[in-house]
């Protein structure tokens, strides 16, 4: 895949007051915005899990191109326990040679 084939979205994120920095409101362009919640975070910040309040979408974000499979499976189990449908989860393959 070439970089120019990638989709991207740009937005400004604002912390929801009283959320302890765990809930964000993201404005993409007026009037489109979305609510995103940090629902899991590694103590050392090596990964974060972000989801929408509707539980329709989620992202498992890692600071490295790969994540230990057991860690990933634990996070997926936590998402399932919280009501997220992980059956359509897509993994991004990172080609570090790009």
PDB file of N, CA and C in Angstrom:
ATOM      1  N   UNK A   1       0.848  -1.181   0.000  1.00  0.00           N
ATOM      2  CA  UNK A   1       0.000   0.000   0.000  1.00  0.00           C
ATOM      3  C   UNK A   1       0.888   1.236   0.000  1.00  0.00           C
ATOM      4  N   UNK A   2       0.482   2.224  -0.744  1.00  0.00           N
ATOM      5  CA  UNK A   2       1.214   3.485  -0.809  1.00  0.00           C
ATOM      6  C   UNK A   2       0.579   4.490   0.144  1.00  0.00           C
ATOM      7  N   UNK A   3       1.394   5.389   0.674  1.00  0.00           N
ATOM      8  CA  UNK A   3       0.892   6.393   1.612  1.00  0.00           C
ATOM      9  C   UNK A   3      -0.240   7.211   1.014  1.00  0.00           C
ATOM     10  N   UNK A   4      -0.148   7.521  -0.275  1.00  0.00           N
ATOM     11  CA  UNK A   4      -1.189   8.348  -0.874  1.00  0.00           C
ATOM     12  C   UNK A   4      -2.519   7.622  -1.012  1.00  0.00           C
ATOM     13  N   UNK A   5      -2.529   6.291  -0.818  1.00  0.00           N
ATOM     14  CA  UNK A   5      -3.771   5.521  -0.866  1.00  0.00           C
ATOM     15  C   UNK A   5      -4.502   5.502   0.475  1.00  0.00           C
ATOM     16  N   UNK A   6      -3.858   5.995   1.516  1.00  0.00           N
ATOM     17  CA  UNK A   6      -4.444   5.946   2.844  1.00  0.00           C
ATOM     18  C   UNK A   6      -5.476   7.044   3.037  1.00  0.00           C
ATOM     19  N   UNK A   7      -6.545   6.705   3.736  1.00  0.00           N
ATOM     20  CA  UNK A   7      -7.533   7.709   4.125  1.00  0.00           C
ATOM     21  C   UNK A   7      -7.080   8.355   5.426  1.00  0.00           C
ATOM     22  N   UNK A   8      -7.499   9.589   5.628  1.00  0.00           N
ATOM     23  CA  UNK A   8      -7.178  10.240   6.889  1.00  0.00           C
ATOM     24  C   UNK A   8      -8.299  11.196   7.250  1.00  0.00           C
ATOM     25  N   UNK A   9      -8.366  11.465   8.512  1.00  0.00           N
ATOM     26  CA  UNK A   9      -9.331  12.434   9.024  1.00  0.00           C
ATOM     27  C   UNK A   9      -8.582  13.337   9.995  1.00  0.00           C
ATOM     28  N   UNK A  10      -8.819  14.612   9.884  1.00  0.00           N
ATOM     29  CA  UNK A  10      -8.186  15.556  10.794  1.00  0.00           C
ATOM     30  C   UNK A  10      -9.260  16.220  11.636  1.00  0.00           C
ATOM     31  N   UNK A  11      -8.951  16.413  12.901  1.00  0.00           N
ATOM     32  CA  UNK A  11      -9.899  17.057  13.784  1.00  0.00           C
ATOM     33  C   UNK A  11      -9.206  17.663  14.978  1.00  0.00           C
ATOM     34  N   UNK A  12      -9.958  18.408  15.753  1.00  0.00           N
ATOM     35  CA  UNK A  12      -9.475  18.992  17.003  1.00  0.00           C
ATOM     36  C   UNK A  12     -10.188  18.292  18.140  1.00  0.00           C
ATOM     37  N   UNK A  13      -9.425  17.855  19.119  1.00  0.00           N
ATOM     38  CA  UNK A  13     -10.001  17.152  20.262  1.00  0.00           C
ATOM     39  C   UNK A  13     -10.061  18.080  21.468  1.00  0.00           C
ATOM     40  N   UNK A  14     -11.158  17.987  22.188  1.00  0.00           N
ATOM     41  CA  UNK A  14     -11.366  18.760  23.405  1.00  0.00           C
ATOM     42  C   UNK A  14     -11.723  17.798  24.528  1.00  0.00           C
ATOM     43  N   UNK A  15     -11.069  17.948  25.657  1.00  0.00           N
ATOM     44  CA  UNK A  15     -11.354  17.100  26.812  1.00  0.00           C
ATOM     45  C   UNK A  15     -12.700  17.491  27.401  1.00  0.00           C
ATOM     46  N   UNK A  16     -13.535  16.500  27.693  1.00  0.00           N
ATOM     47  CA  UNK A  16     -14.826  16.746  28.328  1.00  0.00           C
ATOM     48  C   UNK A  16     -14.571  17.043  29.804  1.00  0.00           C
ATOM     49  N   UNK A  17     -15.029  18.185  30.244  1.00  0.00           N
ATOM     50  CA  UNK A  17     -14.805  18.616  31.620  1.00  0.00           C
ATOM     51  C   UNK A  17     -15.351  17.579  32.606  1.00  0.00           C
ATOM     52  N   UNK A  18     -14.559  17.295  33.628  1.00  0.00           N
ATOM     53  CA  UNK A  18     -14.964  16.355  34.662  1.00  0.00           C
ATOM     54  C   UNK A  18     -14.720  14.898  34.309  1.00  0.00           C
ATOM     55  N   UNK A  19     -14.102  14.627  33.166  1.00  0.00           N
ATOM     56  CA  UNK A  19     -13.899  13.241  32.738  1.00  0.00           C
ATOM     57  C   UNK A  19     -12.543  12.687  33.138  1.00  0.00           C
ATOM     58  N   UNK A  20     -11.712  13.514  33.774  1.00  0.00           N
ATOM     59  CA  UNK A  20     -10.373  13.040  34.121  1.00  0.00           C
ATOM     60  C   UNK A  20      -9.527  12.764  32.885  1.00  0.00           C
ATOM     61  N   UNK A  21      -9.791  13.495  31.824  1.00  0.00           N
ATOM     62  CA  UNK A  21      -9.087  13.376  30.543  1.00  0.00           C
ATOM     63  C   UNK A  21      -9.385  12.067  29.805  1.00  0.00           C
ATOM     64  N   UNK A  22     -10.430  11.354  30.185  1.00  0.00           N
ATOM     65  CA  UNK A  22     -10.725  10.079  29.535  1.00  0.00           C
ATOM     66  C   UNK A  22     -11.799  10.184  28.454  1.00  0.00           C
ATOM     67  N   UNK A  23     -12.467  11.332  28.359  1.00  0.00           N
ATOM     68  CA  UNK A  23     -13.492  11.510  27.340  1.00  0.00           C
ATOM     69  C   UNK A  23     -13.143  12.723  26.485  1.00  0.00           C
ATOM     70  N   UNK A  24     -13.196  12.508  25.188  1.00  0.00           N
ATOM     71  CA  UNK A  24     -12.852  13.565  24.244  1.00  0.00           C
ATOM     72  C   UNK A  24     -14.016  13.840  23.311  1.00  0.00           C
ATOM     73  N   UNK A  25     -14.178  15.071  22.963  1.00  0.00           N
ATOM     74  CA  UNK A  25     -15.119  15.476  21.917  1.00  0.00           C
ATOM     75  C   UNK A  25     -14.248  15.976  20.776  1.00  0.00           C
ATOM     76  N   UNK A  26     -14.389  15.347  19.614  1.00  0.00           N
ATOM     77  CA  UNK A  26     -13.540  15.676  18.468  1.00  0.00           C
ATOM     78  C   UNK A  26     -14.389  16.350  17.401  1.00  0.00           C
ATOM     79  N   UNK A  27     -13.953  17.543  16.995  1.00  0.00           N
ATOM     80  CA  UNK A  27     -14.624  18.302  15.941  1.00  0.00           C
ATOM     81  C   UNK A  27     -13.812  18.109  14.666  1.00  0.00           C
ATOM     82  N   UNK A  28     -14.423  17.457  13.673  1.00  0.00           N
ATOM     83  CA  UNK A  28     -13.736  17.224  12.410  1.00  0.00           C
ATOM     84  C   UNK A  28     -13.895  18.433  11.508  1.00  0.00           C
ATOM     85  N   UNK A  29     -15.079  18.814  11.232  1.00  0.00           N
ATOM     86  CA  UNK A  29     -15.414  20.059  10.551  1.00  0.00           C
ATOM     87  C   UNK A  29     -16.877  20.288  10.852  1.00  0.00           C
ATOM     88  N   UNK A  30     -17.246  21.534  10.958  1.00  0.00           N
ATOM     89  CA  UNK A  30     -18.595  21.853  11.389  1.00  0.00           C
ATOM     90  C   UNK A  30     -19.595  21.297  10.396  1.00  0.00           C
ATOM     91  N   UNK A  31     -20.624  20.645  10.792  1.00  0.00           N
ATOM     92  CA  UNK A  31     -21.090  20.396  12.156  1.00  0.00           C
ATOM     93  C   UNK A  31     -20.734  18.994  12.661  1.00  0.00           C
ATOM     94  N   UNK A  32     -19.798  18.330  12.021  1.00  0.00           N
ATOM     95  CA  UNK A  32     -19.490  16.942  12.354  1.00  0.00           C
ATOM     96  C   UNK A  32     -18.529  16.841  13.524  1.00  0.00           C
ATOM     97  N   UNK A  33     -18.966  16.089  14.531  1.00  0.00           N
ATOM     98  CA  UNK A  33     -18.125  15.854  15.702  1.00  0.00           C
ATOM     99  C   UNK A  33     -18.390  14.446  16.204  1.00  0.00           C
ATOM    100  N   UNK A  34     -17.517  13.979  17.045  1.00  0.00           N
ATOM    101  CA  UNK A  34     -17.681  12.651  17.607  1.00  0.00           C
ATOM    102  C   UNK A  34     -17.193  12.614  19.035  1.00  0.00           C
ATOM    103  N   UNK A  35     -17.739  11.687  19.787  1.00  0.00           N
ATOM    104  CA  UNK A  35     -17.314  11.476  21.167  1.00  0.00           C
ATOM    105  C   UNK A  35     -16.468  10.217  21.214  1.00  0.00           C
ATOM    106  N   UNK A  36     -15.316  10.317  21.841  1.00  0.00           N
ATOM    107  CA  UNK A  36     -14.382   9.202  21.936  1.00  0.00           C
ATOM    108  C   UNK A  36     -13.941   9.077  23.384  1.00  0.00           C
ATOM    109  N   UNK A  37     -13.970   7.859  23.893  1.00  0.00           N
ATOM    110  CA  UNK A  37     -13.604   7.607  25.286  1.00  0.00           C
ATOM    111  C   UNK A  37     -12.371   6.722  25.344  1.00  0.00           C
ATOM    112  N   UNK A  38     -11.413   7.088  26.176  1.00  0.00           N
ATOM    113  CA  UNK A  38     -10.266   6.230  26.456  1.00  0.00           C
ATOM    114  C   UNK A  38     -10.778   5.190  27.447  1.00  0.00           C
ATOM    115  N   UNK A  39     -10.847   3.946  27.008  1.00  0.00           N
ATOM    116  CA  UNK A  39     -11.447   2.911  27.852  1.00  0.00           C
ATOM    117  C   UNK A  39     -10.433   1.930  28.420  1.00  0.00           C
ATOM    118  N   UNK A  40      -9.205   1.997  27.941  1.00  0.00           N
ATOM    119  CA  UNK A  40      -8.133   1.175  28.500  1.00  0.00           C
ATOM    120  C   UNK A  40      -6.819   1.868  28.179  1.00  0.00           C
ATOM    121  N   UNK A  41      -5.886   1.811  29.107  1.00  0.00           N
ATOM    122  CA  UNK A  41      -4.614   2.497  28.935  1.00  0.00           C
ATOM    123  C   UNK A  41      -3.545   1.741  29.702  1.00  0.00           C
ATOM    124  N   UNK A  42      -2.445   1.432  29.035  1.00  0.00           N
ATOM    125  CA  UNK A  42      -1.333   0.757  29.710  1.00  0.00           C
ATOM    126  C   UNK A  42      -0.702   1.705  30.723  1.00  0.00           C
ATOM    127  N   UNK A  43      -0.255   1.163  31.828  1.00  0.00           N
ATOM    128  CA  UNK A  43       0.390   2.000  32.847  1.00  0.00           C
ATOM    129  C   UNK A  43       1.579   2.758  32.281  1.00  0.00           C
ATOM    130  N   UNK A  44       2.291   2.128  31.334  1.00  0.00           N
ATOM    131  CA  UNK A  44       3.470   2.764  30.735  1.00  0.00           C
ATOM    132  C   UNK A  44       3.138   3.461  29.409  1.00  0.00           C
ATOM    133  N   UNK A  45       1.853   3.591  29.111  1.00  0.00           N
ATOM    134  CA  UNK A  45       1.369   4.282  27.905  1.00  0.00           C
ATOM    135  C   UNK A  45       1.805   3.618  26.600  1.00  0.00           C
ATOM    136  N   UNK A  46       2.105   2.320  26.624  1.00  0.00           N
ATOM    137  CA  UNK A  46       2.495   1.636  25.391  1.00  0.00           C
ATOM    138  C   UNK A  46       1.298   1.345  24.496  1.00  0.00           C
ATOM    139  N   UNK A  47       0.104   1.357  25.069  1.00  0.00           N
ATOM    140  CA  UNK A  47      -1.098   1.200  24.256  1.00  0.00           C
ATOM    141  C   UNK A  47      -2.256   1.952  24.897  1.00  0.00           C
ATOM    142  N   UNK A  48      -3.240   2.233  24.080  1.00  0.00           N
ATOM    143  CA  UNK A  48      -4.490   2.836  24.545  1.00  0.00           C
ATOM    144  C   UNK A  48      -5.610   2.216  23.731  1.00  0.00           C
ATOM    145  N   UNK A  49      -6.765   2.087  24.347  1.00  0.00           N
ATOM    146  CA  UNK A  49      -7.960   1.606  23.651  1.00  0.00           C
ATOM    147  C   UNK A  49      -8.975   2.734  23.720  1.00  0.00           C
ATOM    148  N   UNK A  50      -9.466   3.127  22.556  1.00  0.00           N
ATOM    149  CA  UNK A  50     -10.422   4.226  22.440  1.00  0.00           C
ATOM    150  C   UNK A  50     -11.686   3.676  21.795  1.00  0.00           C
ATOM    151  N   UNK A  51     -12.824   4.070  22.325  1.00  0.00           N
ATOM    152  CA  UNK A  51     -14.091   3.614  21.764  1.00  0.00           C
ATOM    153  C   UNK A  51     -15.124   4.721  21.764  1.00  0.00           C
ATOM    154  N   UNK A  52     -16.198   4.466  21.045  1.00  0.00           N
ATOM    155  CA  UNK A  52     -17.308   5.425  21.022  1.00  0.00           C
ATOM    156  C   UNK A  52     -18.339   5.009  22.066  1.00  0.00           C
ATOM    157  N   UNK A  53     -19.077   5.968  22.615  1.00  0.00           N
ATOM    158  CA  UNK A  53     -20.087   5.641  23.621  1.00  0.00           C
ATOM    159  C   UNK A  53     -21.137   4.641  23.116  1.00  0.00           C
ATOM    160  N   UNK A  54     -21.402   4.632  21.821  1.00  0.00           N
ATOM    161  CA  UNK A  54     -22.390   3.704  21.259  1.00  0.00           C
ATOM    162  C   UNK A  54     -21.863   2.274  21.207  1.00  0.00           C
ATOM    163  N   UNK A  55     -20.580   2.096  21.438  1.00  0.00           N
ATOM    164  CA  UNK A  55     -19.893   0.808  21.347  1.00  0.00           C
ATOM    165  C   UNK A  55     -19.866   0.249  19.915  1.00  0.00           C
ATOM    166  N   UNK A  56     -20.083   1.136  18.951  1.00  0.00           N
ATOM    167  CA  UNK A  56     -20.053   0.702  17.550  1.00  0.00           C
ATOM    168  C   UNK A  56     -18.626   0.654  17.008  1.00  0.00           C
ATOM    169  N   UNK A  57     -17.773   1.564  17.461  1.00  0.00           N
ATOM    170  CA  UNK A  57     -16.409   1.648  16.955  1.00  0.00           C
ATOM    171  C   UNK A  57     -15.415   1.633  18.106  1.00  0.00           C
ATOM    172  N   UNK A  58     -14.235   1.080  17.816  1.00  0.00           N
ATOM    173  CA  UNK A  58     -13.137   1.103  18.780  1.00  0.00           C
ATOM    174  C   UNK A  58     -11.819   1.031  18.020  1.00  0.00           C
ATOM    175  N   UNK A  59     -10.759   1.470  18.687  1.00  0.00           N
ATOM    176  CA  UNK A  59      -9.414   1.415  18.141  1.00  0.00           C
ATOM    177  C   UNK A  59      -8.477   0.956  19.240  1.00  0.00           C
ATOM    178  N   UNK A  60      -7.615   0.027  18.911  1.00  0.00           N
ATOM    179  CA  UNK A  60      -6.533  -0.374  19.801  1.00  0.00           C
ATOM    180  C   UNK A  60      -5.275   0.261  19.217  1.00  0.00           C
ATOM    181  N   UNK A  61      -4.704   1.184  19.971  1.00  0.00           N
ATOM    182  CA  UNK A  61      -3.571   1.971  19.495  1.00  0.00           C
ATOM    183  C   UNK A  61      -2.314   1.554  20.242  1.00  0.00           C
ATOM    184  N   UNK A  62      -1.236   1.379  19.503  1.00  0.00           N
ATOM    185  CA  UNK A  62       0.033   0.964  20.088  1.00  0.00           C
ATOM    186  C   UNK A  62       1.125   1.933  19.690  1.00  0.00           C
ATOM    187  N   UNK A  63       2.072   2.147  20.583  1.00  0.00           N
ATOM    188  CA  UNK A  63       3.203   3.023  20.255  1.00  0.00           C
ATOM    189  C   UNK A  63       4.216   2.320  19.358  1.00  0.00           C
ATOM    190  N   UNK A  64       4.065   1.030  19.178  1.00  0.00           N
ATOM    191  CA  UNK A  64       4.980   0.258  18.339  1.00  0.00           C
ATOM    192  C   UNK A  64       4.189  -0.385  17.201  1.00  0.00           C
ATOM    193  N   UNK A  65       4.862  -0.752  16.111  1.00  0.00           N
ATOM    194  CA  UNK A  65       4.149  -1.345  14.975  1.00  0.00           C
ATOM    195  C   UNK A  65       3.498  -2.698  15.280  1.00  0.00           C
ATOM    196  N   UNK A  66       3.949  -3.369  16.319  1.00  0.00           N
ATOM    197  CA  UNK A  66       3.336  -4.653  16.674  1.00  0.00           C
ATOM    198  C   UNK A  66       3.099  -4.699  18.177  1.00  0.00           C
ATOM    199  N   UNK A  67       2.199  -5.608  18.557  1.00  0.00           N
ATOM    200  CA  UNK A  67       1.822  -5.760  19.962  1.00  0.00           C
ATOM    201  C   UNK A  67       1.846  -7.258  20.276  1.00  0.00           C
ATOM    202  N   UNK A  68       2.259  -7.600  21.470  1.00  0.00           N
ATOM    203  CA  UNK A  68       2.259  -9.011  21.866  1.00  0.00           C
ATOM    204  C   UNK A  68       0.851  -9.582  21.709  1.00  0.00           C
ATOM    205  N   UNK A  69       0.762 -10.754  21.128  1.00  0.00           N
ATOM    206  CA  UNK A  69      -0.540 -11.362  20.843  1.00  0.00           C
ATOM    207  C   UNK A  69      -1.364 -11.567  22.111  1.00  0.00           C
ATOM    208  N   UNK A  70      -0.728 -11.953  23.217  1.00  0.00           N
ATOM    209  CA  UNK A  70      -1.483 -12.157  24.454  1.00  0.00           C
ATOM    210  C   UNK A  70      -2.064 -10.843  24.974  1.00  0.00           C
ATOM    211  N   UNK A  71      -1.327  -9.748  24.823  1.00  0.00           N
ATOM    212  CA  UNK A  71      -1.845  -8.426  25.217  1.00  0.00           C
ATOM    213  C   UNK A  71      -3.042  -8.063  24.360  1.00  0.00           C
ATOM    214  N   UNK A  72      -2.906  -8.254  23.052  1.00  0.00           N
ATOM    215  CA  UNK A  72      -3.998  -7.947  22.134  1.00  0.00           C
ATOM    216  C   UNK A  72      -5.245  -8.756  22.474  1.00  0.00           C
ATOM    217  N   UNK A  73      -5.087 -10.035  22.719  1.00  0.00           N
ATOM    218  CA  UNK A  73      -6.242 -10.884  23.021  1.00  0.00           C
ATOM    219  C   UNK A  73      -6.901 -10.489  24.347  1.00  0.00           C
ATOM    220  N   UNK A  74      -6.099 -10.060  25.317  1.00  0.00           N
ATOM    221  CA  UNK A  74      -6.656  -9.571  26.583  1.00  0.00           C
ATOM    222  C   UNK A  74      -7.490  -8.318  26.350  1.00  0.00           C
ATOM    223  N   UNK A  75      -6.979  -7.398  25.530  1.00  0.00           N
ATOM    224  CA  UNK A  75      -7.717  -6.163  25.232  1.00  0.00           C
ATOM    225  C   UNK A  75      -9.011  -6.470  24.473  1.00  0.00           C
ATOM    226  N   UNK A  76      -8.953  -7.394  23.537  1.00  0.00           N
ATOM    227  CA  UNK A  76     -10.155  -7.785  22.786  1.00  0.00           C
ATOM    228  C   UNK A  76     -11.183  -8.386  23.740  1.00  0.00           C
ATOM    229  N   UNK A  77     -10.753  -9.220  24.674  1.00  0.00           N
ATOM    230  CA  UNK A  77     -11.672  -9.802  25.655  1.00  0.00           C
ATOM    231  C   UNK A  77     -12.319  -8.717  26.509  1.00  0.00           C
ATOM    232  N   UNK A  78     -11.533  -7.694  26.895  1.00  0.00           N
ATOM    233  CA  UNK A  78     -12.090  -6.575  27.674  1.00  0.00           C
ATOM    234  C   UNK A  78     -13.128  -5.809  26.858  1.00  0.00           C
ATOM    235  N   UNK A  79     -12.860  -5.613  25.565  1.00  0.00           N
ATOM    236  CA  UNK A  79     -13.825  -4.935  24.701  1.00  0.00           C
ATOM    237  C   UNK A  79     -15.118  -5.737  24.593  1.00  0.00           C
ATOM    238  N   UNK A  80     -14.998  -7.032  24.410  1.00  0.00           N
ATOM    239  CA  UNK A  80     -16.182  -7.894  24.318  1.00  0.00           C
ATOM    240  C   UNK A  80     -16.995  -7.837  25.608  1.00  0.00           C
ATOM    241  N   UNK A  81     -16.305  -7.844  26.745  1.00  0.00           N
ATOM    242  CA  UNK A  81     -16.989  -7.782  28.040  1.00  0.00           C
ATOM    243  C   UNK A  81     -17.728  -6.456  28.228  1.00  0.00           C
ATOM    244  N   UNK A  82     -17.257  -5.406  27.547  1.00  0.00           N
ATOM    245  CA  UNK A  82     -17.898  -4.091  27.628  1.00  0.00           C
ATOM    246  C   UNK A  82     -18.981  -3.891  26.571  1.00  0.00           C
ATOM    247  N   UNK A  83     -19.237  -4.919  25.770  1.00  0.00           N
ATOM    248  CA  UNK A  83     -20.322  -4.850  24.804  1.00  0.00           C
ATOM    249  C   UNK A  83     -19.928  -4.438  23.393  1.00  0.00           C
ATOM    250  N   UNK A  84     -18.650  -4.384  23.094  1.00  0.00           N
ATOM    251  CA  UNK A  84     -18.196  -4.066  21.742  1.00  0.00           C
ATOM    252  C   UNK A  84     -18.214  -5.336  20.887  1.00  0.00           C
ATOM    253  N   UNK A  85     -18.644  -5.212  19.635  1.00  0.00           N
ATOM    254  CA  UNK A  85     -18.620  -6.323  18.691  1.00  0.00           C
ATOM    255  C   UNK A  85     -17.241  -6.339  18.031  1.00  0.00           C
ATOM    256  N   UNK A  86     -16.426  -7.300  18.405  1.00  0.00           N
ATOM    257  CA  UNK A  86     -15.063  -7.372  17.882  1.00  0.00           C
ATOM    258  C   UNK A  86     -14.966  -8.296  16.666  1.00  0.00           C
ATOM    259  N   UNK A  87     -16.083  -8.838  16.207  1.00  0.00           N
ATOM    260  CA  UNK A  87     -16.043  -9.803  15.102  1.00  0.00           C
ATOM    261  C   UNK A  87     -15.579  -9.186  13.784  1.00  0.00           C
ATOM    262  N   UNK A  88     -15.726  -7.882  13.635  1.00  0.00           N
ATOM    263  CA  UNK A  88     -15.319  -7.220  12.394  1.00  0.00           C
ATOM    264  C   UNK A  88     -14.019  -6.431  12.562  1.00  0.00           C
ATOM    265  N   UNK A  89     -13.306  -6.706  13.639  1.00  0.00           N
ATOM    266  CA  UNK A  89     -12.063  -5.999  13.906  1.00  0.00           C
ATOM    267  C   UNK A  89     -11.073  -6.235  12.769  1.00  0.00           C
ATOM    268  N   UNK A  90     -10.428  -5.172  12.344  1.00  0.00           N
ATOM    269  CA  UNK A  90      -9.420  -5.255  11.291  1.00  0.00           C
ATOM    270  C   UNK A  90      -8.072  -4.853  11.865  1.00  0.00           C
ATOM    271  N   UNK A  91      -7.083  -5.666  11.593  1.00  0.00           N
ATOM    272  CA  UNK A  91      -5.740  -5.363  12.055  1.00  0.00           C
ATOM    273  C   UNK A  91      -4.973  -4.628  10.963  1.00  0.00           C
ATOM    274  N   UNK A  92      -4.234  -3.634  11.353  1.00  0.00           N
ATOM    275  CA  UNK A  92      -3.395  -2.896  10.422  1.00  0.00           C
ATOM    276  C   UNK A  92      -2.015  -3.531  10.414  1.00  0.00           C
ATOM    277  N   UNK A  93      -1.543  -3.863   9.231  1.00  0.00           N
ATOM    278  CA  UNK A  93      -0.196  -4.396   9.092  1.00  0.00           C
ATOM    279  C   UNK A  93       0.722  -3.221   8.783  1.00  0.00           C
ATOM    280  N   UNK A  94       1.727  -3.061   9.613  1.00  0.00           N
ATOM    281  CA  UNK A  94       2.665  -1.958   9.443  1.00  0.00           C
ATOM    282  C   UNK A  94       3.906  -2.446   8.730  1.00  0.00           C
ATOM    283  N   UNK A  95       4.165  -1.892   7.583  1.00  0.00           N
ATOM    284  CA  UNK A  95       5.368  -2.187   6.842  1.00  0.00           C
ATOM    285  C   UNK A  95       6.394  -1.125   7.202  1.00  0.00           C
ATOM    286  N   UNK A  96       7.295  -1.472   8.083  1.00  0.00           N
ATOM    287  CA  UNK A  96       8.256  -0.481   8.584  1.00  0.00           C
ATOM    288  C   UNK A  96       9.243  -0.037   7.512  1.00  0.00           C
ATOM    289  N   UNK A  97       9.178  -0.643   6.339  1.00  0.00           N
ATOM    290  CA  UNK A  97      10.093  -0.271   5.275  1.00  0.00           C
ATOM    291  C   UNK A  97       9.533   0.820   4.375  1.00  0.00           C
ATOM    292  N   UNK A  98       8.379   1.400   4.735  1.00  0.00           N
ATOM    293  CA  UNK A  98       7.756   2.422   3.871  1.00  0.00           C
ATOM    294  C   UNK A  98       8.591   3.666   3.814  1.00  0.00           C
TER     295      UNK A  98
END
